[in-house]
Amino acid sequence: MKLRNSRHRASIALTVAALIAFGAGPVLLAQRQATPPPPARVPVPTGTAGSNSAPLSSDYRLGAGDKLRIEVYKDPQLSQSLQVRPDGKITMPLIGDIVAVELTPIELRDRITGALKEYVTNPVVTVIVVEAVASNIYVMGEVLKPGPIPLQGPLTALQAIAMAGGFKDFANTKNIRILRRNKSGVETIPFNYREAVRGNGTPIYLRSGDTVIIP
């Protein structure tokens, strides 16, 4: 009787062990299959965004003929609607003539503010460009369509050459010159087309009256 009971208990133990062995396997397999694989690592770009490709912006510079509104806070007599004269100046009450051409509106605001401090305590000045008169830059030399190009917004030397139709066959694209008039005379700015199309260097934004010469 005891032998029969021991055999019966052994049989039960083997059955339980078999159930555990064959039942736990699929459960563990299902758990492993249900666990999602770790996400793939995505390389993170380094460096400053746009540090190598984004061109620098160019603030608008005033030109002859531009119509301005000069607002002096709480002083309607000093507030004026003006037009930049052909000589590049405007005239304000108290302070007289001020050079405006080739200045940004912010630079002109600061210049007017500084001049008014002699007459007004803590003047607050705002310069508004009411109407901008399109000016020209000039491309000459070994291009297909030399001549003036309207300057209606930010324009780089590279873009101006494209608008002039591109180069002729024997153009010296490495020794382009940009002539720019400033207070001290005429400045010569070298421009290398081959380096520019490779993305090397900082884009050169043209100003009103600039002349691009392609030898």
N, C-alpha and C. Protein backbone atom coordinates (compact mmCIF):
# COMPACT_ATOMS: atom_id res chain seq x y z
N MET A 1 0.84 -1.20 0.00
CA MET A 1 0.00 0.00 0.00
C MET A 1 0.87 1.24 0.00
N LYS A 2 1.89 1.23 0.88
CA LYS A 2 2.80 2.37 0.95
C LYS A 2 3.55 2.53 -0.36
N LEU A 3 3.93 1.40 -0.98
CA LEU A 3 4.65 1.48 -2.25
C LEU A 3 3.76 2.08 -3.33
N ARG A 4 2.47 1.70 -3.34
CA ARG A 4 1.54 2.25 -4.32
C ARG A 4 1.39 3.76 -4.12
N ASN A 5 1.27 4.22 -2.85
CA ASN A 5 1.12 5.66 -2.57
C ASN A 5 2.35 6.43 -3.02
N SER A 6 3.53 5.87 -2.76
CA SER A 6 4.76 6.57 -3.15
C SER A 6 4.86 6.68 -4.66
N ARG A 7 4.45 5.59 -5.37
CA ARG A 7 4.46 5.67 -6.83
C ARG A 7 3.46 6.71 -7.34
N HIS A 8 2.30 6.77 -6.68
CA HIS A 8 1.26 7.73 -7.08
C HIS A 8 1.76 9.16 -6.88
N ARG A 9 2.45 9.42 -5.74
CA ARG A 9 2.99 10.76 -5.48
C ARG A 9 4.09 11.11 -6.47
N ALA A 10 4.91 10.14 -6.82
CA ALA A 10 5.97 10.39 -7.79
C ALA A 10 5.39 10.72 -9.15
N SER A 11 4.30 10.03 -9.51
CA SER A 11 3.64 10.29 -10.79
C SER A 11 3.06 11.69 -10.83
N ILE A 12 2.45 12.11 -9.71
CA ILE A 12 1.89 13.47 -9.64
C ILE A 12 2.99 14.51 -9.76
N ALA A 13 4.11 14.28 -9.08
CA ALA A 13 5.23 15.23 -9.12
C ALA A 13 5.78 15.36 -10.52
N LEU A 14 5.91 14.23 -11.24
CA LEU A 14 6.40 14.30 -12.62
C LEU A 14 5.43 15.06 -13.52
N THR A 15 4.13 14.85 -13.31
CA THR A 15 3.13 15.55 -14.12
C THR A 15 3.20 17.05 -13.91
N VAL A 16 3.32 17.48 -12.64
CA VAL A 16 3.41 18.92 -12.31
C VAL A 16 4.66 19.51 -12.92
N ALA A 17 5.77 18.77 -12.82
CA ALA A 17 7.03 19.27 -13.37
C ALA A 17 6.93 19.44 -14.88
N ALA A 18 6.26 18.48 -15.54
CA ALA A 18 6.10 18.57 -16.99
C ALA A 18 5.25 19.76 -17.38
N LEU A 19 4.18 20.01 -16.61
CA LEU A 19 3.31 21.15 -16.90
C LEU A 19 4.07 22.46 -16.75
N ILE A 20 4.86 22.53 -15.70
CA ILE A 20 5.64 23.75 -15.47
C ILE A 20 6.64 23.97 -16.59
N ALA A 21 7.32 22.81 -16.95
CA ALA A 21 8.36 22.92 -17.97
C ALA A 21 7.79 23.35 -19.32
N PHE A 22 6.66 22.71 -19.73
CA PHE A 22 6.11 23.01 -21.06
C PHE A 22 5.19 24.22 -21.05
N GLY A 23 4.71 24.61 -19.90
CA GLY A 23 3.81 25.77 -19.83
C GLY A 23 4.55 27.07 -19.66
N ALA A 24 5.65 27.06 -18.88
CA ALA A 24 6.37 28.31 -18.60
C ALA A 24 7.12 28.79 -19.82
N GLY A 25 7.58 27.81 -20.66
CA GLY A 25 8.35 28.21 -21.83
C GLY A 25 7.61 29.15 -22.74
N PRO A 26 6.38 28.79 -23.21
CA PRO A 26 5.62 29.70 -24.09
C PRO A 26 5.33 31.03 -23.43
N VAL A 27 5.08 31.02 -22.07
CA VAL A 27 4.80 32.28 -21.39
C VAL A 27 6.00 33.21 -21.48
N LEU A 28 7.20 32.65 -21.17
CA LEU A 28 8.41 33.46 -21.23
C LEU A 28 8.66 33.93 -22.66
N LEU A 29 8.42 33.04 -23.66
CA LEU A 29 8.61 33.41 -25.04
C LEU A 29 7.67 34.52 -25.45
N ALA A 30 6.41 34.42 -24.99
CA ALA A 30 5.44 35.46 -25.32
C ALA A 30 5.84 36.78 -24.70
N GLN A 31 6.36 36.74 -23.46
CA GLN A 31 6.79 37.98 -22.82
C GLN A 31 7.95 38.61 -23.58
N ARG A 32 8.88 37.73 -24.02
CA ARG A 32 10.02 38.28 -24.77
C ARG A 32 9.59 38.88 -26.09
N GLN A 33 8.60 38.19 -26.77
CA GLN A 33 8.14 38.72 -28.04
C GLN A 33 7.34 40.00 -27.86
N ALA A 34 6.65 40.13 -26.73
CA ALA A 34 5.83 41.32 -26.51
C ALA A 34 6.67 42.53 -26.16
N THR A 35 7.91 42.30 -25.70
CA THR A 35 8.76 43.44 -25.31
C THR A 35 9.32 44.08 -26.56
N PRO A 36 9.01 45.38 -26.82
CA PRO A 36 9.48 46.03 -28.06
C PRO A 36 10.98 46.19 -28.04
N PRO A 37 11.60 46.10 -29.20
CA PRO A 37 13.06 46.29 -29.26
C PRO A 37 13.41 47.74 -28.95
N PRO A 38 14.60 47.98 -28.44
CA PRO A 38 14.98 49.35 -28.13
C PRO A 38 15.03 50.18 -29.40
N PRO A 39 14.61 51.47 -29.31
CA PRO A 39 14.59 52.31 -30.52
C PRO A 39 15.98 52.50 -31.08
N ALA A 40 16.03 52.61 -32.40
CA ALA A 40 17.32 52.83 -33.06
C ALA A 40 17.87 54.19 -32.69
N ARG A 41 19.16 54.27 -32.52
CA ARG A 41 19.81 55.53 -32.17
C ARG A 41 19.91 56.40 -33.41
N VAL A 42 19.40 57.62 -33.27
CA VAL A 42 19.45 58.56 -34.37
C VAL A 42 20.59 59.52 -34.12
N PRO A 43 21.51 59.68 -35.06
CA PRO A 43 22.62 60.60 -34.82
C PRO A 43 22.13 62.03 -34.65
N VAL A 44 22.64 62.71 -33.64
CA VAL A 44 22.25 64.08 -33.36
C VAL A 44 23.25 65.01 -34.03
N PRO A 45 22.77 65.98 -34.86
CA PRO A 45 23.71 66.87 -35.51
C PRO A 45 24.43 67.73 -34.51
N THR A 46 25.68 68.01 -34.78
CA THR A 46 26.47 68.83 -33.88
C THR A 46 26.71 70.19 -34.50
N GLY A 47 27.14 71.11 -33.65
CA GLY A 47 27.43 72.46 -34.13
C GLY A 47 26.21 73.35 -34.02
N THR A 48 26.41 74.61 -34.34
CA THR A 48 25.34 75.58 -34.27
C THR A 48 24.48 75.50 -35.52
N ALA A 49 23.17 75.53 -35.34
CA ALA A 49 22.28 75.41 -36.49
C ALA A 49 22.53 76.56 -37.45
N GLY A 50 22.71 76.22 -38.72
CA GLY A 50 22.89 77.23 -39.75
C GLY A 50 24.25 77.88 -39.75
N SER A 51 25.19 77.37 -38.95
CA SER A 51 26.48 78.03 -38.86
C SER A 51 27.26 77.97 -40.15
N ASN A 52 26.96 76.94 -41.01
CA ASN A 52 27.73 76.80 -42.24
C ASN A 52 26.94 77.14 -43.49
N SER A 53 25.60 77.30 -43.36
CA SER A 53 24.83 77.44 -44.58
C SER A 53 23.97 78.69 -44.62
N ALA A 54 23.48 79.15 -43.48
CA ALA A 54 22.54 80.26 -43.50
C ALA A 54 23.27 81.57 -43.75
N PRO A 55 22.87 82.31 -44.80
CA PRO A 55 23.52 83.59 -45.03
C PRO A 55 23.13 84.61 -43.99
N LEU A 56 24.01 85.53 -43.75
CA LEU A 56 23.71 86.58 -42.80
C LEU A 56 22.66 87.52 -43.39
N SER A 57 21.75 88.00 -42.53
CA SER A 57 20.73 88.92 -42.98
C SER A 57 21.33 90.30 -43.16
N SER A 58 20.69 91.13 -43.99
CA SER A 58 21.17 92.48 -44.24
C SER A 58 20.05 93.45 -43.91
N ASP A 59 20.28 94.35 -42.97
CA ASP A 59 19.29 95.36 -42.61
C ASP A 59 19.16 96.38 -43.73
N TYR A 60 17.95 96.88 -43.89
CA TYR A 60 17.70 97.87 -44.93
C TYR A 60 18.43 99.16 -44.59
N ARG A 61 19.07 99.75 -45.61
CA ARG A 61 19.77 101.02 -45.45
C ARG A 61 19.07 102.08 -46.28
N LEU A 62 18.92 103.22 -45.69
CA LEU A 62 18.17 104.30 -46.31
C LEU A 62 18.90 104.83 -47.55
N GLY A 63 18.11 105.26 -48.52
CA GLY A 63 18.65 105.82 -49.74
C GLY A 63 17.95 107.13 -50.08
N ALA A 64 18.53 107.84 -51.02
CA ALA A 64 17.93 109.10 -51.45
C ALA A 64 16.54 108.84 -52.01
N GLY A 65 15.59 109.69 -51.62
CA GLY A 65 14.21 109.55 -52.07
C GLY A 65 13.31 108.79 -51.13
N ASP A 66 13.87 108.07 -50.17
CA ASP A 66 13.04 107.33 -49.21
C ASP A 66 12.19 108.31 -48.39
N LYS A 67 10.95 107.92 -48.18
CA LYS A 67 10.03 108.75 -47.38
C LYS A 67 9.97 108.19 -45.96
N LEU A 68 10.17 109.06 -44.99
CA LEU A 68 10.26 108.66 -43.59
C LEU A 68 9.22 109.39 -42.75
N ARG A 69 8.89 108.76 -41.65
CA ARG A 69 8.09 109.40 -40.60
C ARG A 69 8.91 109.36 -39.32
N ILE A 70 9.27 110.51 -38.81
CA ILE A 70 10.04 110.61 -37.57
C ILE A 70 9.08 111.00 -36.45
N GLU A 71 8.90 110.11 -35.49
CA GLU A 71 8.01 110.36 -34.36
C GLU A 71 8.83 110.61 -33.11
N VAL A 72 8.59 111.77 -32.48
CA VAL A 72 9.20 112.08 -31.19
C VAL A 72 8.07 112.04 -30.16
N TYR A 73 8.19 111.14 -29.20
CA TYR A 73 7.10 110.85 -28.26
C TYR A 73 6.67 112.12 -27.51
N LYS A 74 5.36 112.38 -27.57
CA LYS A 74 4.74 113.51 -26.88
C LYS A 74 5.28 114.87 -27.33
N ASP A 75 5.72 114.94 -28.58
CA ASP A 75 6.20 116.22 -29.12
C ASP A 75 5.80 116.31 -30.58
N PRO A 76 4.57 116.75 -30.87
CA PRO A 76 4.09 116.79 -32.25
C PRO A 76 4.84 117.81 -33.11
N GLN A 77 5.45 118.82 -32.49
CA GLN A 77 6.18 119.80 -33.28
C GLN A 77 7.49 119.24 -33.84
N LEU A 78 8.10 118.33 -33.09
CA LEU A 78 9.34 117.72 -33.57
C LEU A 78 9.08 116.53 -34.49
N SER A 79 7.92 115.93 -34.38
CA SER A 79 7.57 114.79 -35.24
C SER A 79 7.37 115.29 -36.67
N GLN A 80 8.00 114.62 -37.61
CA GLN A 80 8.02 115.11 -38.99
C GLN A 80 7.84 113.97 -39.99
N SER A 81 7.23 114.31 -41.15
CA SER A 81 7.23 113.43 -42.32
C SER A 81 8.25 114.02 -43.30
N LEU A 82 9.27 113.24 -43.62
CA LEU A 82 10.41 113.75 -44.39
C LEU A 82 10.75 112.82 -45.54
N GLN A 83 11.50 113.37 -46.49
CA GLN A 83 12.04 112.57 -47.59
C GLN A 83 13.54 112.80 -47.66
N VAL A 84 14.29 111.71 -47.80
CA VAL A 84 15.74 111.84 -47.88
C VAL A 84 16.10 112.57 -49.17
N ARG A 85 16.84 113.66 -49.05
CA ARG A 85 17.19 114.48 -50.20
C ARG A 85 18.24 113.80 -51.08
N PRO A 86 18.44 114.29 -52.31
CA PRO A 86 19.48 113.71 -53.17
C PRO A 86 20.87 113.75 -52.56
N ASP A 87 21.12 114.72 -51.66
CA ASP A 87 22.43 114.77 -51.01
C ASP A 87 22.53 113.81 -49.82
N GLY A 88 21.45 113.04 -49.57
CA GLY A 88 21.49 112.03 -48.52
C GLY A 88 21.13 112.52 -47.14
N LYS A 89 20.62 113.74 -47.02
CA LYS A 89 20.34 114.31 -45.70
C LYS A 89 18.85 114.56 -45.51
N ILE A 90 18.45 114.72 -44.25
CA ILE A 90 17.12 115.19 -43.88
C ILE A 90 17.31 116.38 -42.94
N THR A 91 16.25 117.17 -42.78
CA THR A 91 16.32 118.34 -41.91
C THR A 91 15.27 118.21 -40.81
N MET A 92 15.73 118.35 -39.56
CA MET A 92 14.85 118.26 -38.39
C MET A 92 14.84 119.59 -37.65
N PRO A 93 13.69 119.95 -37.04
CA PRO A 93 13.67 121.15 -36.20
C PRO A 93 14.71 121.04 -35.07
N LEU A 94 15.28 122.16 -34.70
CA LEU A 94 16.27 122.30 -33.63
C LEU A 94 17.66 121.79 -34.04
N ILE A 95 17.72 120.62 -34.67
CA ILE A 95 19.03 120.02 -34.90
C ILE A 95 19.54 120.20 -36.32
N GLY A 96 18.69 120.66 -37.23
CA GLY A 96 19.13 120.93 -38.59
C GLY A 96 19.33 119.69 -39.44
N ASP A 97 20.37 119.72 -40.30
CA ASP A 97 20.61 118.63 -41.25
C ASP A 97 21.29 117.43 -40.57
N ILE A 98 20.81 116.24 -40.96
CA ILE A 98 21.40 114.99 -40.49
C ILE A 98 21.56 114.07 -41.69
N VAL A 99 22.72 113.45 -41.80
CA VAL A 99 22.94 112.47 -42.88
C VAL A 99 22.12 111.21 -42.57
N ALA A 100 21.31 110.80 -43.54
CA ALA A 100 20.46 109.62 -43.37
C ALA A 100 20.83 108.49 -44.32
N VAL A 101 21.37 108.83 -45.48
CA VAL A 101 21.64 107.81 -46.48
C VAL A 101 22.69 106.82 -45.97
N GLU A 102 22.49 105.54 -46.30
CA GLU A 102 23.36 104.42 -45.91
C GLU A 102 23.27 104.07 -44.42
N LEU A 103 22.36 104.72 -43.69
CA LEU A 103 22.11 104.32 -42.30
C LEU A 103 20.91 103.40 -42.26
N THR A 104 20.87 102.50 -41.28
CA THR A 104 19.65 101.73 -41.04
C THR A 104 18.68 102.63 -40.27
N PRO A 105 17.39 102.33 -40.28
CA PRO A 105 16.46 103.14 -39.49
C PRO A 105 16.84 103.22 -38.01
N ILE A 106 17.39 102.15 -37.46
CA ILE A 106 17.79 102.16 -36.05
C ILE A 106 18.98 103.10 -35.85
N GLU A 107 19.94 103.09 -36.79
CA GLU A 107 21.09 103.99 -36.68
C GLU A 107 20.66 105.44 -36.79
N LEU A 108 19.73 105.73 -37.68
CA LEU A 108 19.22 107.11 -37.80
C LEU A 108 18.46 107.51 -36.54
N ARG A 109 17.67 106.59 -35.99
CA ARG A 109 16.97 106.88 -34.73
C ARG A 109 17.95 107.26 -33.63
N ASP A 110 19.02 106.49 -33.50
CA ASP A 110 20.01 106.77 -32.45
C ASP A 110 20.70 108.11 -32.68
N ARG A 111 20.96 108.43 -33.95
CA ARG A 111 21.62 109.69 -34.25
C ARG A 111 20.71 110.87 -33.92
N ILE A 112 19.44 110.76 -34.27
CA ILE A 112 18.49 111.84 -33.95
C ILE A 112 18.31 111.97 -32.44
N THR A 113 18.22 110.83 -31.76
CA THR A 113 18.07 110.85 -30.30
C THR A 113 19.25 111.55 -29.64
N GLY A 114 20.46 111.24 -30.07
CA GLY A 114 21.64 111.88 -29.50
C GLY A 114 21.66 113.37 -29.73
N ALA A 115 21.23 113.81 -30.94
CA ALA A 115 21.23 115.24 -31.24
C ALA A 115 20.15 115.99 -30.46
N LEU A 116 19.02 115.32 -30.21
CA LEU A 116 17.92 115.99 -29.50
C LEU A 116 18.17 116.11 -28.00
N LYS A 117 19.07 115.32 -27.44
CA LYS A 117 19.30 115.37 -26.00
C LYS A 117 19.77 116.73 -25.52
N GLU A 118 20.33 117.52 -26.44
CA GLU A 118 20.76 118.87 -26.07
C GLU A 118 19.57 119.79 -25.83
N TYR A 119 18.39 119.42 -26.39
CA TYR A 119 17.22 120.29 -26.31
C TYR A 119 16.04 119.65 -25.57
N VAL A 120 15.98 118.32 -25.54
CA VAL A 120 14.84 117.61 -24.97
C VAL A 120 15.36 116.61 -23.95
N THR A 121 14.65 116.50 -22.82
CA THR A 121 15.04 115.55 -21.78
C THR A 121 14.54 114.15 -22.16
N ASN A 122 15.46 113.23 -22.24
CA ASN A 122 15.16 111.82 -22.55
C ASN A 122 14.21 111.67 -23.75
N PRO A 123 14.62 112.13 -24.92
CA PRO A 123 13.73 112.00 -26.09
C PRO A 123 13.56 110.53 -26.50
N VAL A 124 12.34 110.19 -26.89
CA VAL A 124 12.04 108.85 -27.39
C VAL A 124 11.66 109.00 -28.86
N VAL A 125 12.51 108.46 -29.74
CA VAL A 125 12.38 108.69 -31.19
C VAL A 125 12.09 107.37 -31.89
N THR A 126 11.20 107.44 -32.87
CA THR A 126 10.91 106.29 -33.73
C THR A 126 11.06 106.72 -35.18
N VAL A 127 11.75 105.91 -35.98
CA VAL A 127 11.93 106.17 -37.41
C VAL A 127 11.18 105.10 -38.18
N ILE A 128 10.24 105.54 -39.01
CA ILE A 128 9.42 104.62 -39.80
C ILE A 128 9.69 104.89 -41.28
N VAL A 129 10.01 103.83 -42.03
CA VAL A 129 10.17 103.95 -43.48
C VAL A 129 8.79 103.81 -44.10
N VAL A 130 8.24 104.92 -44.55
CA VAL A 130 6.90 104.92 -45.13
C VAL A 130 6.93 104.37 -46.54
N GLU A 131 7.93 104.80 -47.31
CA GLU A 131 8.05 104.34 -48.70
C GLU A 131 9.52 104.29 -49.08
N ALA A 132 9.97 103.14 -49.52
CA ALA A 132 11.35 102.97 -49.94
C ALA A 132 11.44 103.06 -51.45
N VAL A 133 12.27 103.95 -51.92
CA VAL A 133 12.47 104.12 -53.36
C VAL A 133 13.53 103.14 -53.82
N ALA A 134 13.19 102.33 -54.82
CA ALA A 134 14.15 101.34 -55.31
C ALA A 134 15.37 102.03 -55.91
N SER A 135 16.54 101.56 -55.49
CA SER A 135 17.78 102.08 -56.05
C SER A 135 18.44 100.99 -56.87
N ASN A 136 19.60 101.28 -57.41
CA ASN A 136 20.26 100.35 -58.33
C ASN A 136 21.65 99.98 -57.85
N ILE A 137 22.08 98.79 -58.28
CA ILE A 137 23.49 98.42 -58.26
C ILE A 137 23.87 98.17 -59.71
N TYR A 138 25.17 98.08 -59.97
CA TYR A 138 25.62 97.99 -61.36
C TYR A 138 26.59 96.82 -61.51
N VAL A 139 26.37 96.02 -62.56
CA VAL A 139 27.26 94.92 -62.88
C VAL A 139 27.85 95.19 -64.25
N MET A 140 29.16 95.18 -64.34
CA MET A 140 29.81 95.47 -65.62
C MET A 140 31.01 94.56 -65.83
N GLY A 141 31.44 94.46 -67.07
CA GLY A 141 32.56 93.59 -67.40
C GLY A 141 32.11 92.34 -68.13
N GLU A 142 32.73 91.22 -67.80
CA GLU A 142 32.54 89.97 -68.53
C GLU A 142 31.31 89.18 -68.07
N VAL A 143 30.13 89.83 -68.22
CA VAL A 143 28.85 89.15 -67.98
C VAL A 143 27.99 89.30 -69.23
N LEU A 144 26.98 88.47 -69.36
CA LEU A 144 26.16 88.48 -70.57
C LEU A 144 25.24 89.69 -70.65
N LYS A 145 24.77 90.19 -69.50
CA LYS A 145 23.85 91.33 -69.52
C LYS A 145 24.32 92.40 -68.53
N PRO A 146 25.38 93.14 -68.87
CA PRO A 146 25.86 94.19 -67.97
C PRO A 146 24.85 95.34 -67.89
N GLY A 147 24.92 96.06 -66.77
CA GLY A 147 24.05 97.22 -66.61
C GLY A 147 23.49 97.31 -65.21
N PRO A 148 22.54 98.23 -65.00
CA PRO A 148 21.94 98.42 -63.66
C PRO A 148 20.98 97.30 -63.31
N ILE A 149 20.90 97.01 -62.02
CA ILE A 149 19.96 96.03 -61.49
C ILE A 149 19.22 96.69 -60.33
N PRO A 150 17.89 96.71 -60.34
CA PRO A 150 17.15 97.33 -59.24
C PRO A 150 17.42 96.62 -57.92
N LEU A 151 17.67 97.41 -56.91
CA LEU A 151 17.91 96.86 -55.57
C LEU A 151 16.62 96.99 -54.78
N GLN A 152 15.81 95.94 -54.82
CA GLN A 152 14.48 95.97 -54.20
C GLN A 152 14.41 95.20 -52.89
N GLY A 153 15.53 94.73 -52.44
CA GLY A 153 15.61 93.97 -51.20
C GLY A 153 17.03 93.48 -51.02
N PRO A 154 17.28 92.68 -49.99
CA PRO A 154 18.64 92.14 -49.80
C PRO A 154 19.11 91.39 -51.04
N LEU A 155 20.30 91.73 -51.52
CA LEU A 155 20.84 91.14 -52.74
C LEU A 155 22.33 90.90 -52.55
N THR A 156 22.77 89.66 -52.76
CA THR A 156 24.18 89.33 -52.63
C THR A 156 24.88 89.51 -53.98
N ALA A 157 26.22 89.56 -53.92
CA ALA A 157 27.00 89.66 -55.15
C ALA A 157 26.76 88.44 -56.04
N LEU A 158 26.62 87.28 -55.43
CA LEU A 158 26.36 86.06 -56.19
C LEU A 158 25.03 86.16 -56.94
N GLN A 159 24.01 86.68 -56.27
CA GLN A 159 22.70 86.80 -56.91
C GLN A 159 22.72 87.84 -58.02
N ALA A 160 23.47 88.93 -57.81
CA ALA A 160 23.55 89.98 -58.83
C ALA A 160 24.19 89.45 -60.11
N ILE A 161 25.22 88.62 -59.98
CA ILE A 161 25.87 88.04 -61.16
C ILE A 161 24.90 87.13 -61.90
N ALA A 162 24.10 86.38 -61.16
CA ALA A 162 23.11 85.51 -61.81
C ALA A 162 22.07 86.36 -62.56
N MET A 163 21.65 87.49 -61.96
CA MET A 163 20.67 88.36 -62.61
C MET A 163 21.26 89.03 -63.85
N ALA A 164 22.59 89.15 -63.88
CA ALA A 164 23.25 89.74 -65.05
C ALA A 164 23.52 88.70 -66.13
N GLY A 165 22.99 87.51 -65.98
CA GLY A 165 23.08 86.49 -67.03
C GLY A 165 24.25 85.55 -66.91
N GLY A 166 25.08 85.72 -65.87
CA GLY A 166 26.23 84.85 -65.72
C GLY A 166 27.44 85.37 -66.49
N PHE A 167 28.51 84.59 -66.46
CA PHE A 167 29.78 85.03 -67.02
C PHE A 167 29.90 84.73 -68.51
N LYS A 168 30.77 85.51 -69.15
CA LYS A 168 31.23 85.16 -70.48
C LYS A 168 32.35 84.12 -70.35
N ASP A 169 32.81 83.63 -71.48
CA ASP A 169 33.73 82.49 -71.48
C ASP A 169 35.04 82.77 -70.77
N PHE A 170 35.57 83.97 -70.89
CA PHE A 170 36.91 84.24 -70.38
C PHE A 170 36.89 85.13 -69.13
N ALA A 171 35.80 85.14 -68.41
CA ALA A 171 35.71 85.96 -67.20
C ALA A 171 36.66 85.43 -66.12
N ASN A 172 37.29 86.36 -65.43
CA ASN A 172 38.17 86.01 -64.31
C ASN A 172 37.31 85.99 -63.04
N THR A 173 36.80 84.83 -62.70
CA THR A 173 35.83 84.72 -61.61
C THR A 173 36.46 84.75 -60.22
N LYS A 174 37.78 84.70 -60.17
CA LYS A 174 38.45 84.71 -58.86
C LYS A 174 38.84 86.11 -58.40
N ASN A 175 38.81 87.07 -59.31
CA ASN A 175 39.29 88.42 -58.97
C ASN A 175 38.24 89.49 -59.26
N ILE A 176 37.01 89.23 -58.84
CA ILE A 176 35.94 90.20 -59.01
C ILE A 176 36.09 91.30 -57.96
N ARG A 177 35.77 92.53 -58.35
CA ARG A 177 35.86 93.66 -57.43
C ARG A 177 34.50 94.31 -57.28
N ILE A 178 34.22 94.75 -56.05
CA ILE A 178 33.00 95.52 -55.77
C ILE A 178 33.44 96.90 -55.30
N LEU A 179 33.02 97.93 -56.03
CA LEU A 179 33.35 99.30 -55.68
C LEU A 179 32.20 99.90 -54.88
N ARG A 180 32.51 100.41 -53.72
CA ARG A 180 31.48 100.96 -52.82
C ARG A 180 31.92 102.34 -52.33
N ARG A 181 31.08 103.32 -52.53
CA ARG A 181 31.40 104.67 -52.08
C ARG A 181 31.03 104.82 -50.61
N ASN A 182 31.94 105.37 -49.83
CA ASN A 182 31.67 105.66 -48.43
C ASN A 182 32.18 107.07 -48.10
N LYS A 183 32.19 107.40 -46.84
CA LYS A 183 32.52 108.77 -46.43
C LYS A 183 33.95 109.14 -46.80
N SER A 184 34.84 108.16 -46.79
CA SER A 184 36.25 108.46 -47.03
C SER A 184 36.65 108.30 -48.50
N GLY A 185 35.71 107.93 -49.35
CA GLY A 185 36.03 107.76 -50.77
C GLY A 185 35.41 106.50 -51.34
N VAL A 186 36.16 105.76 -52.14
CA VAL A 186 35.67 104.53 -52.77
C VAL A 186 36.43 103.33 -52.19
N GLU A 187 35.67 102.40 -51.67
CA GLU A 187 36.25 101.18 -51.10
C GLU A 187 36.19 100.06 -52.13
N THR A 188 37.26 99.28 -52.23
CA THR A 188 37.29 98.12 -53.13
C THR A 188 37.19 96.84 -52.31
N ILE A 189 36.16 96.05 -52.61
CA ILE A 189 35.91 94.81 -51.88
C ILE A 189 36.18 93.64 -52.82
N PRO A 190 37.14 92.78 -52.53
CA PRO A 190 37.41 91.63 -53.41
C PRO A 190 36.33 90.56 -53.24
N PHE A 191 36.04 89.87 -54.33
CA PHE A 191 35.02 88.81 -54.30
C PHE A 191 35.47 87.66 -55.19
N ASN A 192 35.52 86.47 -54.61
CA ASN A 192 35.92 85.26 -55.32
C ASN A 192 34.69 84.41 -55.58
N TYR A 193 34.25 84.37 -56.83
CA TYR A 193 33.03 83.63 -57.18
C TYR A 193 33.17 82.14 -56.90
N ARG A 194 34.34 81.57 -57.20
CA ARG A 194 34.52 80.13 -57.02
C ARG A 194 34.39 79.73 -55.56
N GLU A 195 34.94 80.55 -54.67
CA GLU A 195 34.82 80.25 -53.25
C GLU A 195 33.37 80.43 -52.78
N ALA A 196 32.69 81.42 -53.32
CA ALA A 196 31.31 81.70 -52.91
C ALA A 196 30.38 80.55 -53.27
N VAL A 197 30.53 79.98 -54.48
CA VAL A 197 29.63 78.90 -54.88
C VAL A 197 29.92 77.62 -54.10
N ARG A 198 31.11 77.53 -53.49
CA ARG A 198 31.41 76.39 -52.61
C ARG A 198 30.88 76.60 -51.21
N GLY A 199 30.33 77.77 -50.94
CA GLY A 199 29.80 78.06 -49.61
C GLY A 199 30.85 78.55 -48.64
N ASN A 200 32.01 78.93 -49.15
CA ASN A 200 33.07 79.42 -48.28
C ASN A 200 32.93 80.93 -48.08
N GLY A 201 33.17 81.38 -46.85
CA GLY A 201 33.11 82.81 -46.57
C GLY A 201 31.70 83.29 -46.30
N THR A 202 31.60 84.56 -45.98
CA THR A 202 30.32 85.19 -45.66
C THR A 202 29.76 85.87 -46.90
N PRO A 203 28.47 85.70 -47.22
CA PRO A 203 27.90 86.38 -48.38
C PRO A 203 28.07 87.89 -48.29
N ILE A 204 28.36 88.52 -49.42
CA ILE A 204 28.51 89.97 -49.48
C ILE A 204 27.20 90.57 -49.98
N TYR A 205 26.55 91.35 -49.12
CA TYR A 205 25.30 92.01 -49.51
C TYR A 205 25.62 93.36 -50.13
N LEU A 206 25.02 93.61 -51.27
CA LEU A 206 25.28 94.84 -52.01
C LEU A 206 24.44 95.98 -51.46
N ARG A 207 24.98 97.19 -51.61
CA ARG A 207 24.29 98.40 -51.19
C ARG A 207 24.00 99.27 -52.41
N SER A 208 23.10 100.20 -52.21
CA SER A 208 22.73 101.10 -53.29
C SER A 208 23.97 101.79 -53.85
N GLY A 209 24.10 101.75 -55.19
CA GLY A 209 25.22 102.40 -55.84
C GLY A 209 26.45 101.54 -56.02
N ASP A 210 26.48 100.34 -55.44
CA ASP A 210 27.63 99.45 -55.60
C ASP A 210 27.83 99.09 -57.07
N THR A 211 29.08 98.95 -57.47
CA THR A 211 29.42 98.51 -58.82
C THR A 211 30.24 97.23 -58.75
N VAL A 212 29.74 96.18 -59.39
CA VAL A 212 30.42 94.89 -59.42
C VAL A 212 31.14 94.78 -60.76
N ILE A 213 32.45 94.62 -60.69
CA ILE A 213 33.27 94.58 -61.91
C ILE A 213 33.85 93.18 -62.08
N ILE A 214 33.54 92.56 -63.21
CA ILE A 214 34.07 91.23 -63.52
C ILE A 214 35.11 91.39 -64.62
N PRO A 215 36.40 91.21 -64.32
CA PRO A 215 37.45 91.39 -65.34
C PRO A 215 37.48 90.24 -66.36
